[in-house]
PDB file of N, CA and C in Angstrom:
ATOM      1  N   MET A   1     102.862 127.249  96.914  1.00  0.00           N
ATOM      2  CA  MET A   1     101.480 127.211  96.506  1.00  0.00           C
ATOM      3  C   MET A   1     100.653 126.599  97.635  1.00  0.00           C
ATOM      4  N   THR A   2      99.452 127.042  97.850  1.00  0.00           N
ATOM      5  CA  THR A   2      98.661 126.602  98.994  1.00  0.00           C
ATOM      6  C   THR A   2      97.463 125.744  98.610  1.00  0.00           C
ATOM      7  N   GLY A   3      97.540 124.983  97.542  1.00  0.00           N
ATOM      8  CA  GLY A   3      96.437 124.131  97.150  1.00  0.00           C
ATOM      9  C   GLY A   3      95.622 124.703  96.003  1.00  0.00           C
ATOM     10  N   ALA A   4      95.888 125.937  95.596  1.00  0.00           N
ATOM     11  CA  ALA A   4      95.186 126.522  94.458  1.00  0.00           C
ATOM     12  C   ALA A   4      95.837 126.021  93.183  1.00  0.00           C
ATOM     13  N   ASP A   5      95.085 126.033  92.097  1.00  0.00           N
ATOM     14  CA  ASP A   5      95.669 125.604  90.837  1.00  0.00           C
ATOM     15  C   ASP A   5      96.662 126.648  90.330  1.00  0.00           C
ATOM     16  N   ALA A   6      97.360 126.325  89.244  1.00  0.00           N
ATOM     17  CA  ALA A   6      98.424 127.190  88.736  1.00  0.00           C
ATOM     18  C   ALA A   6      97.911 128.563  88.310  1.00  0.00           C
ATOM     19  N   ALA A   7      96.649 128.662  87.909  1.00  0.00           N
ATOM     20  CA  ALA A   7      96.098 129.944  87.459  1.00  0.00           C
ATOM     21  C   ALA A   7      95.666 130.818  88.631  1.00  0.00           C
ATOM     22  N   GLY A   8      95.810 130.320  89.851  1.00  0.00           N
ATOM     23  CA  GLY A   8      95.437 131.103  91.018  1.00  0.00           C
ATOM     24  C   GLY A   8      93.952 131.052  91.335  1.00  0.00           C
ATOM     25  N   GLY A   9      93.230 130.090  90.766  1.00  0.00           N
ATOM     26  CA  GLY A   9      91.789 129.965  90.982  1.00  0.00           C
ATOM     27  C   GLY A   9      91.468 129.176  92.238  1.00  0.00           C
ATOM     28  N   ALA A  10      90.370 128.466  92.189  1.00  0.00           N
ATOM     29  CA  ALA A  10      89.908 127.657  93.318  1.00  0.00           C
ATOM     30  C   ALA A  10      90.892 126.523  93.582  1.00  0.00           C
ATOM     31  N   PRO A  11      90.905 126.005  94.808  1.00  0.00           N
ATOM     32  CA  PRO A  11      91.784 124.883  95.112  1.00  0.00           C
ATOM     33  C   PRO A  11      91.461 123.673  94.238  1.00  0.00           C
ATOM     34  N   ALA A  12      92.487 122.927  93.880  1.00  0.00           N
ATOM     35  CA  ALA A  12      92.300 121.735  93.066  1.00  0.00           C
ATOM     36  C   ALA A  12      91.549 120.681  93.869  1.00  0.00           C
ATOM     37  N   ALA A  13      90.693 119.931  93.203  1.00  0.00           N
ATOM     38  CA  ALA A  13      89.937 118.869  93.864  1.00  0.00           C
ATOM     39  C   ALA A  13      90.889 117.745  94.257  1.00  0.00           C
ATOM     40  N   ARG A  14      90.664 117.170  95.424  1.00  0.00           N
ATOM     41  CA  ARG A  14      91.490 116.061  95.890  1.00  0.00           C
ATOM     42  C   ARG A  14      90.724 114.759  95.669  1.00  0.00           C
ATOM     43  N   PRO A  15      91.444 113.657  95.451  1.00  0.00           N
ATOM     44  CA  PRO A  15      90.773 112.365  95.330  1.00  0.00           C
ATOM     45  C   PRO A  15      90.057 112.031  96.646  1.00  0.00           C
ATOM     46  N   PRO A  16      88.920 111.327  96.582  1.00  0.00           N
ATOM     47  CA  PRO A  16      88.162 111.017  97.802  1.00  0.00           C
ATOM     48  C   PRO A  16      88.978 110.312  98.879  1.00  0.00           C
ATOM     49  N   ALA A  17      89.851 109.408  98.491  1.00  0.00           N
ATOM     50  CA  ALA A  17      90.651 108.694  99.497  1.00  0.00           C
ATOM     51  C   ALA A  17      91.554 109.660 100.258  1.00  0.00           C
ATOM     52  N   GLN A  18      92.103 110.633  99.556  1.00  0.00           N
ATOM     53  CA  GLN A  18      92.967 111.614 100.212  1.00  0.00           C
ATOM     54  C   GLN A  18      92.164 112.503 101.149  1.00  0.00           C
ATOM     55  N   VAL A  19      90.947 112.846 100.755  1.00  0.00           N
ATOM     56  CA  VAL A  19      90.088 113.666 101.602  1.00  0.00           C
ATOM     57  C   VAL A  19      89.772 112.927 102.904  1.00  0.00           C
ATOM     58  N   TRP A  20      89.425 111.655 102.792  1.00  0.00           N
ATOM     59  CA  TRP A  20      89.126 110.870 104.000  1.00  0.00           C
ATOM     60  C   TRP A  20      90.358 110.740 104.883  1.00  0.00           C
ATOM     61  N   LEU A  21      91.514 110.519 104.275  1.00  0.00           N
ATOM     62  CA  LEU A  21      92.746 110.401 105.060  1.00  0.00           C
ATOM     63  C   LEU A  21      93.047 111.695 105.801  1.00  0.00           C
ATOM     64  N   LEU A  22      92.861 112.818 105.135  1.00  0.00           N
ATOM     65  CA  LEU A  22      93.063 114.103 105.796  1.00  0.00           C
ATOM     66  C   LEU A  22      92.042 114.320 106.907  1.00  0.00           C
ATOM     67  N   ALA A  23      90.813 113.857 106.697  1.00  0.00           N
ATOM     68  CA  ALA A  23      89.752 114.061 107.678  1.00  0.00           C
ATOM     69  C   ALA A  23      89.970 113.254 108.960  1.00  0.00           C
ATOM     70  N   ILE A  24      90.586 112.065 108.846  1.00  0.00           N
ATOM     71  CA  ILE A  24      90.791 111.284 110.075  1.00  0.00           C
ATOM     72  C   ILE A  24      92.006 111.772 110.856  1.00  0.00           C
ATOM     73  N   ARG A  25      92.790 112.658 110.280  1.00  0.00           N
ATOM     74  CA  ARG A  25      93.962 113.269 110.916  1.00  0.00           C
ATOM     75  C   ARG A  25      94.876 112.232 111.591  1.00  0.00           C
ATOM     76  N   PRO A  26      95.631 111.488 110.794  1.00  0.00           N
ATOM     77  CA  PRO A  26      96.498 110.448 111.353  1.00  0.00           C
ATOM     78  C   PRO A  26      97.486 110.951 112.405  1.00  0.00           C
ATOM     79  N   ARG A  27      97.873 112.224 112.321  1.00  0.00           N
ATOM     80  CA  ARG A  27      98.847 112.737 113.303  1.00  0.00           C
ATOM     81  C   ARG A  27      98.270 112.790 114.711  1.00  0.00           C
ATOM     82  N   THR A  28      96.939 112.706 114.863  1.00  0.00           N
ATOM     83  CA  THR A  28      96.330 112.728 116.196  1.00  0.00           C
ATOM     84  C   THR A  28      96.149 111.327 116.780  1.00  0.00           C
ATOM     85  N   LEU A  29      96.380 110.290 115.989  1.00  0.00           N
ATOM     86  CA  LEU A  29      96.120 108.934 116.452  1.00  0.00           C
ATOM     87  C   LEU A  29      97.038 108.460 117.583  1.00  0.00           C
ATOM     88  N   PRO A  30      98.263 108.944 117.689  1.00  0.00           N
ATOM     89  CA  PRO A  30      99.062 108.543 118.859  1.00  0.00           C
ATOM     90  C   PRO A  30      98.404 108.904 120.194  1.00  0.00           C
ATOM     91  N   ALA A  31      97.554 109.921 120.200  1.00  0.00           N
ATOM     92  CA  ALA A  31      96.843 110.277 121.431  1.00  0.00           C
ATOM     93  C   ALA A  31      95.911 109.160 121.870  1.00  0.00           C
ATOM     94  N   ALA A  32      95.486 108.319 120.950  1.00  0.00           N
ATOM     95  CA  ALA A  32      94.645 107.177 121.290  1.00  0.00           C
ATOM     96  C   ALA A  32      95.477 105.927 121.574  1.00  0.00           C
ATOM     97  N   VAL A  33      96.617 105.808 120.920  1.00  0.00           N
ATOM     98  CA  VAL A  33      97.432 104.599 121.030  1.00  0.00           C
ATOM     99  C   VAL A  33      98.242 104.558 122.320  1.00  0.00           C
ATOM    100  N   VAL A  34      98.853 105.660 122.686  1.00  0.00           N
ATOM    101  CA  VAL A  34      99.787 105.676 123.819  1.00  0.00           C
ATOM    102  C   VAL A  34      99.153 105.205 125.132  1.00  0.00           C
ATOM    103  N   PRO A  35      97.972 105.681 125.518  1.00  0.00           N
ATOM    104  CA  PRO A  35      97.407 105.196 126.786  1.00  0.00           C
ATOM    105  C   PRO A  35      97.141 103.694 126.794  1.00  0.00           C
ATOM    106  N   VAL A  36      96.741 103.148 125.661  1.00  0.00           N
ATOM    107  CA  VAL A  36      96.486 101.706 125.593  1.00  0.00           C
ATOM    108  C   VAL A  36      97.796 100.933 125.707  1.00  0.00           C
ATOM    109  N   VAL A  37      98.830 101.410 125.035  1.00  0.00           N
ATOM    110  CA  VAL A  37     100.133 100.737 125.098  1.00  0.00           C
ATOM    111  C   VAL A  37     100.698 100.800 126.516  1.00  0.00           C
ATOM    112  N   VAL A  38     100.612 101.956 127.149  1.00  0.00           N
ATOM    113  CA  VAL A  38     101.124 102.088 128.518  1.00  0.00           C
ATOM    114  C   VAL A  38     100.332 101.193 129.473  1.00  0.00           C
ATOM    115  N   GLY A  39      99.016 101.198 129.349  1.00  0.00           N
ATOM    116  CA  GLY A  39      98.191 100.344 130.209  1.00  0.00           C
ATOM    117  C   GLY A  39      98.484  98.869 130.009  1.00  0.00           C
ATOM    118  N   THR A  40      98.679  98.481 128.756  1.00  0.00           N
ATOM    119  CA  THR A  40      99.005  97.081 128.465  1.00  0.00           C
ATOM    120  C   THR A  40     100.376  96.714 129.021  1.00  0.00           C
ATOM    121  N   ALA A  41     101.330  97.624 128.901  1.00  0.00           N
ATOM    122  CA  ALA A  41     102.669  97.368 129.450  1.00  0.00           C
ATOM    123  C   ALA A  41     102.625  97.227 130.966  1.00  0.00           C
ATOM    124  N   LEU A  42     101.861  98.075 131.617  1.00  0.00           N
ATOM    125  CA  LEU A  42     101.734  97.971 133.077  1.00  0.00           C
ATOM    126  C   LEU A  42     101.054  96.669 133.484  1.00  0.00           C
ATOM    127  N   ALA A  43     100.033  96.282 132.728  1.00  0.00           N
ATOM    128  CA  ALA A  43      99.354  95.012 133.011  1.00  0.00           C
ATOM    129  C   ALA A  43     100.290  93.834 132.781  1.00  0.00           C
ATOM    130  N   ALA A  44     101.103  93.886 131.731  1.00  0.00           N
ATOM    131  CA  ALA A  44     102.059  92.813 131.464  1.00  0.00           C
ATOM    132  C   ALA A  44     103.098  92.723 132.567  1.00  0.00           C
ATOM    133  N   ARG A  45     103.530  93.862 133.037  1.00  0.00           N
ATOM    134  CA  ARG A  45     104.517  93.875 134.123  1.00  0.00           C
ATOM    135  C   ARG A  45     103.946  93.270 135.399  1.00  0.00           C
ATOM    136  N   ALA A  46     102.654  93.485 135.624  1.00  0.00           N
ATOM    137  CA  ALA A  46     101.999  92.926 136.808  1.00  0.00           C
ATOM    138  C   ALA A  46     101.561  91.480 136.580  1.00  0.00           C
ATOM    139  N   GLY A  47     101.733  90.984 135.352  1.00  0.00           N
ATOM    140  CA  GLY A  47     101.409  89.595 135.064  1.00  0.00           C
ATOM    141  C   GLY A  47      99.971  89.367 134.646  1.00  0.00           C
ATOM    142  N   GLY A  48      99.253  90.435 134.306  1.00  0.00           N
ATOM    143  CA  GLY A  48      97.849  90.261 133.961  1.00  0.00           C
ATOM    144  C   GLY A  48      97.468  90.769 132.594  1.00  0.00           C
ATOM    145  N   ALA A  49      98.391  90.796 131.638  1.00  0.00           N
ATOM    146  CA  ALA A  49      98.076  91.318 130.302  1.00  0.00           C
ATOM    147  C   ALA A  49      97.280  90.288 129.508  1.00  0.00           C
ATOM    148  N   ASP A  50      96.274  90.750 128.824  1.00  0.00           N
ATOM    149  CA  ASP A  50      95.457  89.908 127.948  1.00  0.00           C
ATOM    150  C   ASP A  50      95.583  90.473 126.537  1.00  0.00           C
ATOM    151  N   PRO A  51      96.283  89.784 125.636  1.00  0.00           N
ATOM    152  CA  PRO A  51      96.512  90.311 124.292  1.00  0.00           C
ATOM    153  C   PRO A  51      95.214  90.618 123.530  1.00  0.00           C
ATOM    154  N   LEU A  52      94.222  89.775 123.653  1.00  0.00           N
ATOM    155  CA  LEU A  52      92.960  90.012 122.957  1.00  0.00           C
ATOM    156  C   LEU A  52      92.280  91.275 123.474  1.00  0.00           C
ATOM    157  N   LEU A  53      92.295  91.465 124.772  1.00  0.00           N
ATOM    158  CA  LEU A  53      91.717  92.669 125.364  1.00  0.00           C
ATOM    159  C   LEU A  53      92.510  93.911 124.945  1.00  0.00           C
ATOM    160  N   ALA A  54      93.820  93.792 124.875  1.00  0.00           N
ATOM    161  CA  ALA A  54      94.654  94.922 124.445  1.00  0.00           C
ATOM    162  C   ALA A  54      94.328  95.325 123.007  1.00  0.00           C
ATOM    163  N   VAL A  55      94.169  94.352 122.122  1.00  0.00           N
ATOM    164  CA  VAL A  55      93.834  94.656 120.726  1.00  0.00           C
ATOM    165  C   VAL A  55      92.445  95.277 120.643  1.00  0.00           C
ATOM    166  N   ALA A  56      91.500  94.752 121.412  1.00  0.00           N
ATOM    167  CA  ALA A  56      90.142  95.315 121.410  1.00  0.00           C
ATOM    168  C   ALA A  56      90.154  96.752 121.925  1.00  0.00           C
ATOM    169  N   CYS A  57      90.916  97.014 122.979  1.00  0.00           N
ATOM    170  CA  CYS A  57      91.021  98.382 123.514  1.00  0.00           C
ATOM    171  C   CYS A  57      91.686  99.316 122.510  1.00  0.00           C
ATOM    172  N   LEU A  58      92.712  98.828 121.849  1.00  0.00           N
ATOM    173  CA  LEU A  58      93.406  99.643 120.848  1.00  0.00           C
ATOM    174  C   LEU A  58      92.477  99.982 119.685  1.00  0.00           C
ATOM    175  N   ALA A  59      91.743  98.987 119.193  1.00  0.00           N
ATOM    176  CA  ALA A  59      90.808  99.238 118.092  1.00  0.00           C
ATOM    177  C   ALA A  59      89.734 100.234 118.516  1.00  0.00           C
ATOM    178  N   THR A  60      89.212 100.076 119.730  1.00  0.00           N
ATOM    179  CA  THR A  60      88.181 100.986 120.225  1.00  0.00           C
ATOM    180  C   THR A  60      88.723 102.405 120.342  1.00  0.00           C
ATOM    181  N   ALA A  61      89.907 102.548 120.908  1.00  0.00           N
ATOM    182  CA  ALA A  61      90.498 103.878 121.080  1.00  0.00           C
ATOM    183  C   ALA A  61      90.734 104.550 119.724  1.00  0.00           C
ATOM    184  N   LEU A  62      91.251 103.801 118.757  1.00  0.00           N
ATOM    185  CA  LEU A  62      91.496 104.367 117.433  1.00  0.00           C
ATOM    186  C   LEU A  62      90.193 104.766 116.740  1.00  0.00           C
ATOM    187  N   LEU A  63      89.190 103.906 116.809  1.00  0.00           N
ATOM    188  CA  LEU A  63      87.911 104.219 116.160  1.00  0.00           C
ATOM    189  C   LEU A  63      87.232 105.412 116.825  1.00  0.00           C
ATOM    190  N   LEU A  64      87.339 105.527 118.145  1.00  0.00           N
ATOM    191  CA  LEU A  64      86.782 106.699 118.825  1.00  0.00           C
ATOM    192  C   LEU A  64      87.501 107.977 118.392  1.00  0.00           C
ATOM    193  N   GLN A  65      88.826 107.932 118.319  1.00  0.00           N
ATOM    194  CA  GLN A  65      89.594 109.110 117.907  1.00  0.00           C
ATOM    195  C   GLN A  65      89.241 109.514 116.480  1.00  0.00           C
ATOM    196  N   ILE A  66      89.162 108.543 115.581  1.00  0.00           N
ATOM    197  CA  ILE A  66      88.810 108.832 114.190  1.00  0.00           C
ATOM    198  C   ILE A  66      87.392 109.401 114.119  1.00  0.00           C
ATOM    199  N   GLY A  67      86.468 108.802 114.848  1.00  0.00           N
ATOM    200  CA  GLY A  67      85.090 109.293 114.856  1.00  0.00           C
ATOM    201  C   GLY A  67      84.991 110.716 115.366  1.00  0.00           C
ATOM    202  N   ILE A  68      85.712 111.013 116.421  1.00  0.00           N
ATOM    203  CA  ILE A  68      85.704 112.370 116.975  1.00  0.00           C
ATOM    204  C   ILE A  68      86.269 113.361 115.964  1.00  0.00           C
ATOM    205  N   ASN A  69      87.341 112.977 115.269  1.00  0.00           N
ATOM    206  CA  ASN A  69      87.915 113.857 114.253  1.00  0.00           C
ATOM    207  C   ASN A  69      86.915 114.136 113.132  1.00  0.00           C
ATOM    208  N   LEU A  70      86.193 113.104 112.693  1.00  0.00           N
ATOM    209  CA  LEU A  70      85.210 113.286 111.624  1.00  0.00           C
ATOM    210  C   LEU A  70      84.042 114.154 112.077  1.00  0.00           C
ATOM    211  N   VAL A  71      83.561 113.930 113.291  1.00  0.00           N
ATOM    212  CA  VAL A  71      82.462 114.746 113.814  1.00  0.00           C
ATOM    213  C   VAL A  71      82.906 116.197 113.964  1.00  0.00           C
ATOM    214  N   ASN A  72      84.133 116.406 114.393  1.00  0.00           N
ATOM    215  CA  ASN A  72      84.648 117.767 114.534  1.00  0.00           C
ATOM    216  C   ASN A  72      84.688 118.468 113.180  1.00  0.00           C
ATOM    217  N   ASP A  73      85.170 117.770 112.149  1.00  0.00           N
ATOM    218  CA  ASP A  73      85.196 118.367 110.805  1.00  0.00           C
ATOM    219  C   ASP A  73      83.785 118.674 110.322  1.00  0.00           C
ATOM    220  N   ARG A  74      82.856 117.788 110.602  1.00  0.00           N
ATOM    221  CA  ARG A  74      81.470 118.004 110.175  1.00  0.00           C
ATOM    222  C   ARG A  74      80.878 119.221 110.871  1.00  0.00           C
ATOM    223  N   SER A  75      81.106 119.355 112.163  1.00  0.00           N
ATOM    224  CA  SER A  75      80.550 120.496 112.883  1.00  0.00           C
ATOM    225  C   SER A  75      81.239 121.794 112.463  1.00  0.00           C
ATOM    226  N   ASP A  76      82.531 121.742 112.154  1.00  0.00           N
ATOM    227  CA  ASP A  76      83.211 122.942 111.652  1.00  0.00           C
ATOM    228  C   ASP A  76      82.631 123.365 110.306  1.00  0.00           C
ATOM    229  N   ALA A  77      82.348 122.401 109.442  1.00  0.00           N
ATOM    230  CA  ALA A  77      81.800 122.719 108.120  1.00  0.00           C
ATOM    231  C   ALA A  77      80.387 123.277 108.254  1.00  0.00           C
ATOM    232  N   ALA A  78      79.614 122.766 109.202  1.00  0.00           N
ATOM    233  CA  ALA A  78      78.239 123.235 109.383  1.00  0.00           C
ATOM    234  C   ALA A  78      78.214 124.662 109.932  1.00  0.00           C
ATOM    235  N   ALA A  79      79.220 125.019 110.718  1.00  0.00           N
ATOM    236  CA  ALA A  79      79.259 126.334 111.343  1.00  0.00           C
ATOM    237  C   ALA A  79      79.931 127.387 110.453  1.00  0.00           C
ATOM    238  N   ALA A  80      80.578 126.937 109.394  1.00  0.00           N
ATOM    239  CA  ALA A  80      81.311 127.875 108.516  1.00  0.00           C
ATOM    240  C   ALA A  80      80.332 128.732 107.716  1.00  0.00           C
ATOM    241  N   PRO A  81      80.596 130.025 107.613  1.00  0.00           N
ATOM    242  CA  PRO A  81      79.735 130.872 106.800  1.00  0.00           C
ATOM    243  C   PRO A  81      79.891 130.543 105.317  1.00  0.00           C
ATOM    244  N   ILE A  82      78.861 130.789 104.592  1.00  0.00           N
ATOM    245  CA  ILE A  82      78.892 130.477 103.149  1.00  0.00           C
ATOM    246  C   ILE A  82      79.468 131.656 102.381  1.00  0.00           C
TER     247      ILE A  82
END
């Protein structure tokens, strides 16, 4: 079944929390995490890692990725024919 109800009608409504979770696309978040982790590891190896800066960079990267995913969904919905 592909999200339609048992009678073959319109897709079943999803709870709002599930819709938001799907919209932020968690499977894309490693694309934001990996560069920060690698950069922090390289800085630690060179003796210049700052944990507070690493957490701030990680939070920024994740929020940017989530924001981009939401904007992309919004623009796709706006461009979709009715």
